[in-house]
């Protein structure tokens, strides 16, 4: 049991991401930031708010892709929607 894992350096960020995760729907595509690394267009599967983990499918576009990863809320530094999602409103020009 790692004592450091119970120390939240920035609890606001963790809470902020929980709110974002709560708004996601199954199979929604998001860019998941984990520190310096970004999983682009990961497919959201589910969030477990008791265990504070979230499941995503990553690398779906590779031949042997579609890897399921489970991240703790603390590991996720940010979540954002892929650009294509943001531009949906302005597509009828």
PDB file of N, CA and C in Angstrom:
ATOM      1  N   UNK A   1       0.851  -1.198   0.000  1.00  0.00           N
ATOM      2  CA  UNK A   1       0.000   0.000   0.000  1.00  0.00           C
ATOM      3  C   UNK A   1       0.883   1.244   0.000  1.00  0.00           C
ATOM      4  N   UNK A   2       0.757   2.012  -1.044  1.00  0.00           N
ATOM      5  CA  UNK A   2       1.598   3.193  -1.195  1.00  0.00           C
ATOM      6  C   UNK A   2       0.927   4.389  -0.522  1.00  0.00           C
ATOM      7  N   UNK A   3       1.569   4.876   0.509  1.00  0.00           N
ATOM      8  CA  UNK A   3       0.981   5.986   1.284  1.00  0.00           C
ATOM      9  C   UNK A   3       0.813   7.228   0.404  1.00  0.00           C
ATOM     10  N   UNK A   4       1.746   7.448  -0.510  1.00  0.00           N
ATOM     11  CA  UNK A   4       1.675   8.633  -1.358  1.00  0.00           C
ATOM     12  C   UNK A   4       0.421   8.637  -2.230  1.00  0.00           C
ATOM     13  N   UNK A   5      -0.091   7.470  -2.537  1.00  0.00           N
ATOM     14  CA  UNK A   5      -1.238   7.432  -3.449  1.00  0.00           C
ATOM     15  C   UNK A   5      -2.476   8.043  -2.807  1.00  0.00           C
ATOM     16  N   UNK A   6      -2.453   8.197  -1.496  1.00  0.00           N
ATOM     17  CA  UNK A   6      -3.599   8.799  -0.817  1.00  0.00           C
ATOM     18  C   UNK A   6      -3.466  10.306  -0.675  1.00  0.00           C
ATOM     19  N   UNK A   7      -2.347  10.840  -1.133  1.00  0.00           N
ATOM     20  CA  UNK A   7      -2.121  12.279  -1.019  1.00  0.00           C
ATOM     21  C   UNK A   7      -2.526  12.936  -2.335  1.00  0.00           C
ATOM     22  N   UNK A   8      -3.533  13.794  -2.265  1.00  0.00           N
ATOM     23  CA  UNK A   8      -3.974  14.478  -3.485  1.00  0.00           C
ATOM     24  C   UNK A   8      -3.310  15.842  -3.549  1.00  0.00           C
ATOM     25  N   UNK A   9      -2.481  16.026  -4.552  1.00  0.00           N
ATOM     26  CA  UNK A   9      -1.797  17.312  -4.682  1.00  0.00           C
ATOM     27  C   UNK A   9      -2.785  18.382  -5.139  1.00  0.00           C
ATOM     28  N   UNK A  10      -3.668  17.996  -6.050  1.00  0.00           N
ATOM     29  CA  UNK A  10      -4.609  18.966  -6.582  1.00  0.00           C
ATOM     30  C   UNK A  10      -5.984  18.330  -6.646  1.00  0.00           C
ATOM     31  N   UNK A  11      -6.682  18.381  -5.550  1.00  0.00           N
ATOM     32  CA  UNK A  11      -7.965  17.696  -5.485  1.00  0.00           C
ATOM     33  C   UNK A  11      -8.989  18.346  -6.395  1.00  0.00           C
ATOM     34  N   UNK A  12      -8.831  19.632  -6.643  1.00  0.00           N
ATOM     35  CA  UNK A  12      -9.759  20.330  -7.517  1.00  0.00           C
ATOM     36  C   UNK A  12      -9.756  19.738  -8.908  1.00  0.00           C
ATOM     37  N   UNK A  13      -8.580  19.403  -9.407  1.00  0.00           N
ATOM     38  CA  UNK A  13      -8.471  18.820 -10.743  1.00  0.00           C
ATOM     39  C   UNK A  13      -9.176  17.471 -10.802  1.00  0.00           C
ATOM     40  N   UNK A  14      -8.956  16.671  -9.786  1.00  0.00           N
ATOM     41  CA  UNK A  14      -9.580  15.356  -9.744  1.00  0.00           C
ATOM     42  C   UNK A  14     -11.102  15.485  -9.748  1.00  0.00           C
ATOM     43  N   UNK A  15     -11.607  16.412  -8.967  1.00  0.00           N
ATOM     44  CA  UNK A  15     -13.055  16.615  -8.879  1.00  0.00           C
ATOM     45  C   UNK A  15     -13.600  17.139 -10.208  1.00  0.00           C
ATOM     46  N   UNK A  16     -12.850  18.033 -10.812  1.00  0.00           N
ATOM     47  CA  UNK A  16     -13.216  18.601 -12.109  1.00  0.00           C
ATOM     48  C   UNK A  16     -13.366  17.485 -13.144  1.00  0.00           C
ATOM     49  N   UNK A  17     -12.422  16.551 -13.160  1.00  0.00           N
ATOM     50  CA  UNK A  17     -12.483  15.462 -14.125  1.00  0.00           C
ATOM     51  C   UNK A  17     -13.609  14.487 -13.812  1.00  0.00           C
ATOM     52  N   UNK A  18     -13.925  14.327 -12.531  1.00  0.00           N
ATOM     53  CA  UNK A  18     -15.065  13.469 -12.179  1.00  0.00           C
ATOM     54  C   UNK A  18     -16.341  14.027 -12.775  1.00  0.00           C
ATOM     55  N   UNK A  19     -16.482  15.347 -12.723  1.00  0.00           N
ATOM     56  CA  UNK A  19     -17.673  15.964 -13.313  1.00  0.00           C
ATOM     57  C   UNK A  19     -17.715  15.736 -14.814  1.00  0.00           C
ATOM     58  N   UNK A  20     -16.548  15.850 -15.450  1.00  0.00           N
ATOM     59  CA  UNK A  20     -16.495  15.602 -16.894  1.00  0.00           C
ATOM     60  C   UNK A  20     -16.845  14.155 -17.209  1.00  0.00           C
ATOM     61  N   UNK A  21     -16.291  13.237 -16.415  1.00  0.00           N
ATOM     62  CA  UNK A  21     -16.567  11.817 -16.639  1.00  0.00           C
ATOM     63  C   UNK A  21     -18.049  11.509 -16.445  1.00  0.00           C
ATOM     64  N   UNK A  22     -18.660  12.186 -15.487  1.00  0.00           N
ATOM     65  CA  UNK A  22     -20.074  11.943 -15.201  1.00  0.00           C
ATOM     66  C   UNK A  22     -20.947  12.351 -16.388  1.00  0.00           C
ATOM     67  N   UNK A  23     -20.457  13.269 -17.207  1.00  0.00           N
ATOM     68  CA  UNK A  23     -21.248  13.735 -18.355  1.00  0.00           C
ATOM     69  C   UNK A  23     -21.028  12.888 -19.606  1.00  0.00           C
ATOM     70  N   UNK A  24     -20.014  12.046 -19.590  1.00  0.00           N
ATOM     71  CA  UNK A  24     -19.737  11.245 -20.784  1.00  0.00           C
ATOM     72  C   UNK A  24     -20.779  10.148 -20.946  1.00  0.00           C
ATOM     73  N   UNK A  25     -21.056   9.818 -22.189  1.00  0.00           N
ATOM     74  CA  UNK A  25     -21.941   8.695 -22.456  1.00  0.00           C
ATOM     75  C   UNK A  25     -21.125   7.572 -23.083  1.00  0.00           C
ATOM     76  N   UNK A  26     -21.643   6.372 -22.972  1.00  0.00           N
ATOM     77  CA  UNK A  26     -20.917   5.195 -23.451  1.00  0.00           C
ATOM     78  C   UNK A  26     -20.556   5.344 -24.930  1.00  0.00           C
ATOM     79  N   UNK A  27     -19.337   4.960 -25.254  1.00  0.00           N
ATOM     80  CA  UNK A  27     -18.796   5.007 -26.617  1.00  0.00           C
ATOM     81  C   UNK A  27     -18.505   6.419 -27.125  1.00  0.00           C
ATOM     82  N   UNK A  28     -18.643   7.409 -26.254  1.00  0.00           N
ATOM     83  CA  UNK A  28     -18.287   8.768 -26.647  1.00  0.00           C
ATOM     84  C   UNK A  28     -16.769   8.854 -26.819  1.00  0.00           C
ATOM     85  N   UNK A  29     -16.339   9.615 -27.807  1.00  0.00           N
ATOM     86  CA  UNK A  29     -14.900   9.741 -28.038  1.00  0.00           C
ATOM     87  C   UNK A  29     -14.343  10.955 -27.308  1.00  0.00           C
ATOM     88  N   UNK A  30     -13.263  10.738 -26.589  1.00  0.00           N
ATOM     89  CA  UNK A  30     -12.603  11.822 -25.864  1.00  0.00           C
ATOM     90  C   UNK A  30     -11.097  11.670 -25.992  1.00  0.00           C
ATOM     91  N   UNK A  31     -10.411  12.790 -25.885  1.00  0.00           N
ATOM     92  CA  UNK A  31      -8.958  12.757 -25.749  1.00  0.00           C
ATOM     93  C   UNK A  31      -8.666  12.733 -24.263  1.00  0.00           C
ATOM     94  N   UNK A  32      -7.961  11.701 -23.820  1.00  0.00           N
ATOM     95  CA  UNK A  32      -7.691  11.531 -22.400  1.00  0.00           C
ATOM     96  C   UNK A  32      -6.236  11.901 -22.127  1.00  0.00           C
ATOM     97  N   UNK A  33      -6.034  12.900 -21.288  1.00  0.00           N
ATOM     98  CA  UNK A  33      -4.689  13.347 -20.947  1.00  0.00           C
ATOM     99  C   UNK A  33      -4.252  12.654 -19.658  1.00  0.00           C
ATOM    100  N   UNK A  34      -3.116  11.985 -19.726  1.00  0.00           N
ATOM    101  CA  UNK A  34      -2.545  11.327 -18.547  1.00  0.00           C
ATOM    102  C   UNK A  34      -1.129  11.875 -18.409  1.00  0.00           C
ATOM    103  N   UNK A  35      -1.004  12.948 -17.639  1.00  0.00           N
ATOM    104  CA  UNK A  35       0.293  13.616 -17.560  1.00  0.00           C
ATOM    105  C   UNK A  35       0.671  14.147 -18.933  1.00  0.00           C
ATOM    106  N   UNK A  36       1.861  13.769 -19.403  1.00  0.00           N
ATOM    107  CA  UNK A  36       2.334  14.244 -20.707  1.00  0.00           C
ATOM    108  C   UNK A  36       1.719  13.461 -21.859  1.00  0.00           C
ATOM    109  N   UNK A  37       1.171  12.306 -21.557  1.00  0.00           N
ATOM    110  CA  UNK A  37       0.664  11.424 -22.608  1.00  0.00           C
ATOM    111  C   UNK A  37      -0.800  11.762 -22.906  1.00  0.00           C
ATOM    112  N   UNK A  38      -1.177  11.619 -24.171  1.00  0.00           N
ATOM    113  CA  UNK A  38      -2.574  11.834 -24.549  1.00  0.00           C
ATOM    114  C   UNK A  38      -3.047  10.612 -25.342  1.00  0.00           C
ATOM    115  N   UNK A  39      -4.172  10.065 -24.921  1.00  0.00           N
ATOM    116  CA  UNK A  39      -4.819   9.011 -25.708  1.00  0.00           C
ATOM    117  C   UNK A  39      -5.873   9.706 -26.555  1.00  0.00           C
ATOM    118  N   UNK A  40      -5.578   9.815 -27.858  1.00  0.00           N
ATOM    119  CA  UNK A  40      -6.495  10.540 -28.731  1.00  0.00           C
ATOM    120  C   UNK A  40      -7.693   9.670 -29.101  1.00  0.00           C
ATOM    121  N   UNK A  41      -8.871  10.294 -29.077  1.00  0.00           N
ATOM    122  CA  UNK A  41     -10.108   9.638 -29.508  1.00  0.00           C
ATOM    123  C   UNK A  41     -10.295   8.284 -28.849  1.00  0.00           C
ATOM    124  N   UNK A  42     -10.074   8.251 -27.552  1.00  0.00           N
ATOM    125  CA  UNK A  42     -10.375   7.036 -26.798  1.00  0.00           C
ATOM    126  C   UNK A  42     -11.888   6.909 -26.686  1.00  0.00           C
ATOM    127  N   UNK A  43     -12.371   5.698 -26.722  1.00  0.00           N
ATOM    128  CA  UNK A  43     -13.804   5.466 -26.611  1.00  0.00           C
ATOM    129  C   UNK A  43     -14.145   5.184 -25.155  1.00  0.00           C
ATOM    130  N   UNK A  44     -14.977   6.039 -24.593  1.00  0.00           N
ATOM    131  CA  UNK A  44     -15.332   5.903 -23.181  1.00  0.00           C
ATOM    132  C   UNK A  44     -16.240   4.695 -22.978  1.00  0.00           C
ATOM    133  N   UNK A  45     -15.926   3.893 -21.975  1.00  0.00           N
ATOM    134  CA  UNK A  45     -16.781   2.745 -21.668  1.00  0.00           C
ATOM    135  C   UNK A  45     -17.587   2.989 -20.409  1.00  0.00           C
ATOM    136  N   UNK A  46     -16.931   3.133 -19.274  1.00  0.00           N
ATOM    137  CA  UNK A  46     -17.697   3.421 -18.070  1.00  0.00           C
ATOM    138  C   UNK A  46     -16.802   4.006 -16.996  1.00  0.00           C
ATOM    139  N   UNK A  47     -17.440   4.691 -16.077  1.00  0.00           N
ATOM    140  CA  UNK A  47     -16.731   5.234 -14.926  1.00  0.00           C
ATOM    141  C   UNK A  47     -17.298   4.573 -13.676  1.00  0.00           C
ATOM    142  N   UNK A  48     -16.405   4.214 -12.781  1.00  0.00           N
ATOM    143  CA  UNK A  48     -16.814   3.632 -11.506  1.00  0.00           C
ATOM    144  C   UNK A  48     -16.513   4.654 -10.423  1.00  0.00           C
ATOM    145  N   UNK A  49     -17.556   5.312  -9.929  1.00  0.00           N
ATOM    146  CA  UNK A  49     -17.333   6.423  -9.006  1.00  0.00           C
ATOM    147  C   UNK A  49     -17.028   5.947  -7.588  1.00  0.00           C
ATOM    148  N   UNK A  50     -17.269   4.674  -7.311  1.00  0.00           N
ATOM    149  CA  UNK A  50     -16.888   4.152  -6.001  1.00  0.00           C
ATOM    150  C   UNK A  50     -15.397   3.840  -5.969  1.00  0.00           C
ATOM    151  N   UNK A  51     -14.919   3.227  -7.054  1.00  0.00           N
ATOM    152  CA  UNK A  51     -13.493   2.896  -7.110  1.00  0.00           C
ATOM    153  C   UNK A  51     -12.667   4.029  -7.724  1.00  0.00           C
ATOM    154  N   UNK A  52     -13.355   5.037  -8.243  1.00  0.00           N
ATOM    155  CA  UNK A  52     -12.697   6.181  -8.887  1.00  0.00           C
ATOM    156  C   UNK A  52     -11.793   5.748 -10.039  1.00  0.00           C
ATOM    157  N   UNK A  53     -12.368   4.928 -10.916  1.00  0.00           N
ATOM    158  CA  UNK A  53     -11.658   4.515 -12.115  1.00  0.00           C
ATOM    159  C   UNK A  53     -12.564   4.700 -13.321  1.00  0.00           C
ATOM    160  N   UNK A  54     -11.947   4.805 -14.483  1.00  0.00           N
ATOM    161  CA  UNK A  54     -12.703   4.918 -15.727  1.00  0.00           C
ATOM    162  C   UNK A  54     -12.082   4.001 -16.768  1.00  0.00           C
ATOM    163  N   UNK A  55     -12.932   3.366 -17.563  1.00  0.00           N
ATOM    164  CA  UNK A  55     -12.476   2.460 -18.613  1.00  0.00           C
ATOM    165  C   UNK A  55     -12.621   3.121 -19.981  1.00  0.00           C
ATOM    166  N   UNK A  56     -11.586   2.954 -20.782  1.00  0.00           N
ATOM    167  CA  UNK A  56     -11.584   3.474 -22.151  1.00  0.00           C
ATOM    168  C   UNK A  56     -11.049   2.406 -23.091  1.00  0.00           C
ATOM    169  N   UNK A  57     -11.453   2.481 -24.348  1.00  0.00           N
ATOM    170  CA  UNK A  57     -10.840   1.648 -25.383  1.00  0.00           C
ATOM    171  C   UNK A  57      -9.928   2.571 -26.195  1.00  0.00           C
ATOM    172  N   UNK A  58      -8.655   2.201 -26.282  1.00  0.00           N
ATOM    173  CA  UNK A  58      -7.702   3.043 -27.022  1.00  0.00           C
ATOM    174  C   UNK A  58      -7.170   2.304 -28.242  1.00  0.00           C
ATOM    175  N   UNK A  59      -6.510   3.060 -29.104  1.00  0.00           N
ATOM    176  CA  UNK A  59      -5.863   2.503 -30.308  1.00  0.00           C
ATOM    177  C   UNK A  59      -6.831   1.699 -31.169  1.00  0.00           C
ATOM    178  N   UNK A  60      -8.049   2.201 -31.308  1.00  0.00           N
ATOM    179  CA  UNK A  60      -9.036   1.428 -32.054  1.00  0.00           C
ATOM    180  C   UNK A  60      -8.761   1.406 -33.548  1.00  0.00           C
ATOM    181  N   UNK A  61      -7.877   2.305 -34.017  1.00  0.00           N
ATOM    182  CA  UNK A  61      -7.702   2.426 -35.459  1.00  0.00           C
ATOM    183  C   UNK A  61      -6.533   1.598 -35.967  1.00  0.00           C
ATOM    184  N   UNK A  62      -5.850   0.932 -35.048  1.00  0.00           N
ATOM    185  CA  UNK A  62      -4.741   0.073 -35.470  1.00  0.00           C
ATOM    186  C   UNK A  62      -5.264  -1.330 -35.715  1.00  0.00           C
ATOM    187  N   UNK A  63      -4.489  -2.078 -36.501  1.00  0.00           N
ATOM    188  CA  UNK A  63      -4.939  -3.402 -36.915  1.00  0.00           C
ATOM    189  C   UNK A  63      -5.282  -4.282 -35.712  1.00  0.00           C
ATOM    190  N   UNK A  64      -4.405  -4.269 -34.715  1.00  0.00           N
ATOM    191  CA  UNK A  64      -4.661  -5.098 -33.531  1.00  0.00           C
ATOM    192  C   UNK A  64      -5.044  -4.213 -32.344  1.00  0.00           C
ATOM    193  N   UNK A  65      -5.680  -3.103 -32.656  1.00  0.00           N
ATOM    194  CA  UNK A  65      -6.004  -2.128 -31.621  1.00  0.00           C
ATOM    195  C   UNK A  65      -7.258  -2.498 -30.860  1.00  0.00           C
ATOM    196  N   UNK A  66      -7.763  -1.511 -30.164  1.00  0.00           N
ATOM    197  CA  UNK A  66      -8.935  -1.754 -29.352  1.00  0.00           C
ATOM    198  C   UNK A  66      -8.544  -2.305 -27.998  1.00  0.00           C
ATOM    199  N   UNK A  67      -7.583  -1.648 -27.365  1.00  0.00           N
ATOM    200  CA  UNK A  67      -7.095  -2.083 -26.066  1.00  0.00           C
ATOM    201  C   UNK A  67      -7.898  -1.383 -24.984  1.00  0.00           C
ATOM    202  N   UNK A  68      -8.387  -2.152 -24.034  1.00  0.00           N
ATOM    203  CA  UNK A  68      -9.126  -1.550 -22.919  1.00  0.00           C
ATOM    204  C   UNK A  68      -8.140  -1.141 -21.834  1.00  0.00           C
ATOM    205  N   UNK A  69      -8.234   0.098 -21.402  1.00  0.00           N
ATOM    206  CA  UNK A  69      -7.398   0.549 -20.291  1.00  0.00           C
ATOM    207  C   UNK A  69      -8.296   1.073 -19.184  1.00  0.00           C
ATOM    208  N   UNK A  70      -7.836   0.910 -17.969  1.00  0.00           N
ATOM    209  CA  UNK A  70      -8.547   1.447 -16.812  1.00  0.00           C
ATOM    210  C   UNK A  70      -7.639   2.469 -16.150  1.00  0.00           C
ATOM    211  N   UNK A  71      -8.133   3.673 -16.020  1.00  0.00           N
ATOM    212  CA  UNK A  71      -7.351   4.747 -15.409  1.00  0.00           C
ATOM    213  C   UNK A  71      -8.040   5.186 -14.129  1.00  0.00           C
ATOM    214  N   UNK A  72      -7.232   5.510 -13.135  1.00  0.00           N
ATOM    215  CA  UNK A  72      -7.840   6.082 -11.928  1.00  0.00           C
ATOM    216  C   UNK A  72      -8.091   7.562 -12.198  1.00  0.00           C
ATOM    217  N   UNK A  73      -9.083   8.111 -11.517  1.00  0.00           N
ATOM    218  CA  UNK A  73      -9.407   9.523 -11.718  1.00  0.00           C
ATOM    219  C   UNK A  73      -8.176  10.395 -11.464  1.00  0.00           C
ATOM    220  N   UNK A  74      -7.343   9.986 -10.530  1.00  0.00           N
ATOM    221  CA  UNK A  74      -6.153  10.782 -10.202  1.00  0.00           C
ATOM    222  C   UNK A  74      -5.146  10.825 -11.344  1.00  0.00           C
ATOM    223  N   UNK A  75      -5.121   9.753 -12.150  1.00  0.00           N
ATOM    224  CA  UNK A  75      -4.158   9.708 -13.251  1.00  0.00           C
ATOM    225  C   UNK A  75      -4.560  10.639 -14.391  1.00  0.00           C
ATOM    226  N   UNK A  76      -5.858  10.860 -14.519  1.00  0.00           N
ATOM    227  CA  UNK A  76      -6.365  11.651 -15.645  1.00  0.00           C
ATOM    228  C   UNK A  76      -6.155  13.132 -15.344  1.00  0.00           C
ATOM    229  N   UNK A  77      -5.304  13.778 -16.136  1.00  0.00           N
ATOM    230  CA  UNK A  77      -5.036  15.189 -15.877  1.00  0.00           C
ATOM    231  C   UNK A  77      -6.016  16.096 -16.610  1.00  0.00           C
ATOM    232  N   UNK A  78      -6.591  15.590 -17.721  1.00  0.00           N
ATOM    233  CA  UNK A  78      -7.619  16.383 -18.399  1.00  0.00           C
ATOM    234  C   UNK A  78      -8.371  15.499 -19.376  1.00  0.00           C
ATOM    235  N   UNK A  79      -9.532  15.961 -19.751  1.00  0.00           N
ATOM    236  CA  UNK A  79     -10.347  15.294 -20.766  1.00  0.00           C
ATOM    237  C   UNK A  79     -10.838  16.372 -21.707  1.00  0.00           C
ATOM    238  N   UNK A  80     -10.733  16.121 -22.999  1.00  0.00           N
ATOM    239  CA  UNK A  80     -11.388  17.055 -23.909  1.00  0.00           C
ATOM    240  C   UNK A  80     -11.960  16.299 -25.092  1.00  0.00           C
ATOM    241  N   UNK A  81     -12.900  16.945 -25.756  1.00  0.00           N
ATOM    242  CA  UNK A  81     -13.535  16.317 -26.906  1.00  0.00           C
ATOM    243  C   UNK A  81     -12.649  16.497 -28.127  1.00  0.00           C
ATOM    244  N   UNK A  82     -12.582  15.482 -28.986  1.00  0.00           N
ATOM    245  CA  UNK A  82     -11.851  15.653 -30.254  1.00  0.00           C
ATOM    246  C   UNK A  82     -12.446  16.825 -31.033  1.00  0.00           C
ATOM    247  N   UNK A  83     -11.631  17.430 -31.869  1.00  0.00           N
ATOM    248  CA  UNK A  83     -12.040  18.619 -32.615  1.00  0.00           C
ATOM    249  C   UNK A  83     -13.318  18.368 -33.407  1.00  0.00           C
ATOM    250  N   UNK A  84     -13.443  17.188 -33.971  1.00  0.00           N
ATOM    251  CA  UNK A  84     -14.616  16.886 -34.790  1.00  0.00           C
ATOM    252  C   UNK A  84     -15.911  17.033 -33.986  1.00  0.00           C
ATOM    253  N   UNK A  85     -15.855  16.703 -32.706  1.00  0.00           N
ATOM    254  CA  UNK A  85     -17.053  16.814 -31.869  1.00  0.00           C
ATOM    255  C   UNK A  85     -17.409  18.280 -31.631  1.00  0.00           C
ATOM    256  N   UNK A  86     -16.372  19.095 -31.461  1.00  0.00           N
ATOM    257  CA  UNK A  86     -16.620  20.500 -31.142  1.00  0.00           C
ATOM    258  C   UNK A  86     -17.233  21.235 -32.325  1.00  0.00           C
ATOM    259  N   UNK A  87     -16.940  20.770 -33.528  1.00  0.00           N
ATOM    260  CA  UNK A  87     -17.340  21.522 -34.709  1.00  0.00           C
ATOM    261  C   UNK A  87     -18.681  21.097 -35.273  1.00  0.00           C
ATOM    262  N   UNK A  88     -19.376  20.248 -34.558  1.00  0.00           N
ATOM    263  CA  UNK A  88     -20.625  19.708 -35.097  1.00  0.00           C
ATOM    264  C   UNK A  88     -21.627  20.806 -35.442  1.00  0.00           C
ATOM    265  N   UNK A  89     -21.710  21.844 -34.602  1.00  0.00           N
ATOM    266  CA  UNK A  89     -22.717  22.877 -34.836  1.00  0.00           C
ATOM    267  C   UNK A  89     -22.494  23.590 -36.173  1.00  0.00           C
ATOM    268  N   UNK A  90     -21.243  23.779 -36.548  1.00  0.00           N
ATOM    269  CA  UNK A  90     -20.970  24.622 -37.706  1.00  0.00           C
ATOM    270  C   UNK A  90     -20.763  23.870 -38.999  1.00  0.00           C
ATOM    271  N   UNK A  91     -21.400  22.716 -39.158  1.00  0.00           N
ATOM    272  CA  UNK A  91     -21.091  21.907 -40.327  1.00  0.00           C
ATOM    273  C   UNK A  91     -22.011  22.176 -41.510  1.00  0.00           C
ATOM    274  N   UNK A  92     -23.058  22.988 -41.334  1.00  0.00           N
ATOM    275  CA  UNK A  92     -24.022  23.138 -42.412  1.00  0.00           C
ATOM    276  C   UNK A  92     -23.806  24.427 -43.200  1.00  0.00           C
ATOM    277  N   UNK A  93     -22.533  24.817 -43.370  1.00  0.00           N
ATOM    278  CA  UNK A  93     -22.308  26.067 -44.101  1.00  0.00           C
ATOM    279  C   UNK A  93     -21.974  25.816 -45.548  1.00  0.00           C
TER     280      UNK A  93
END
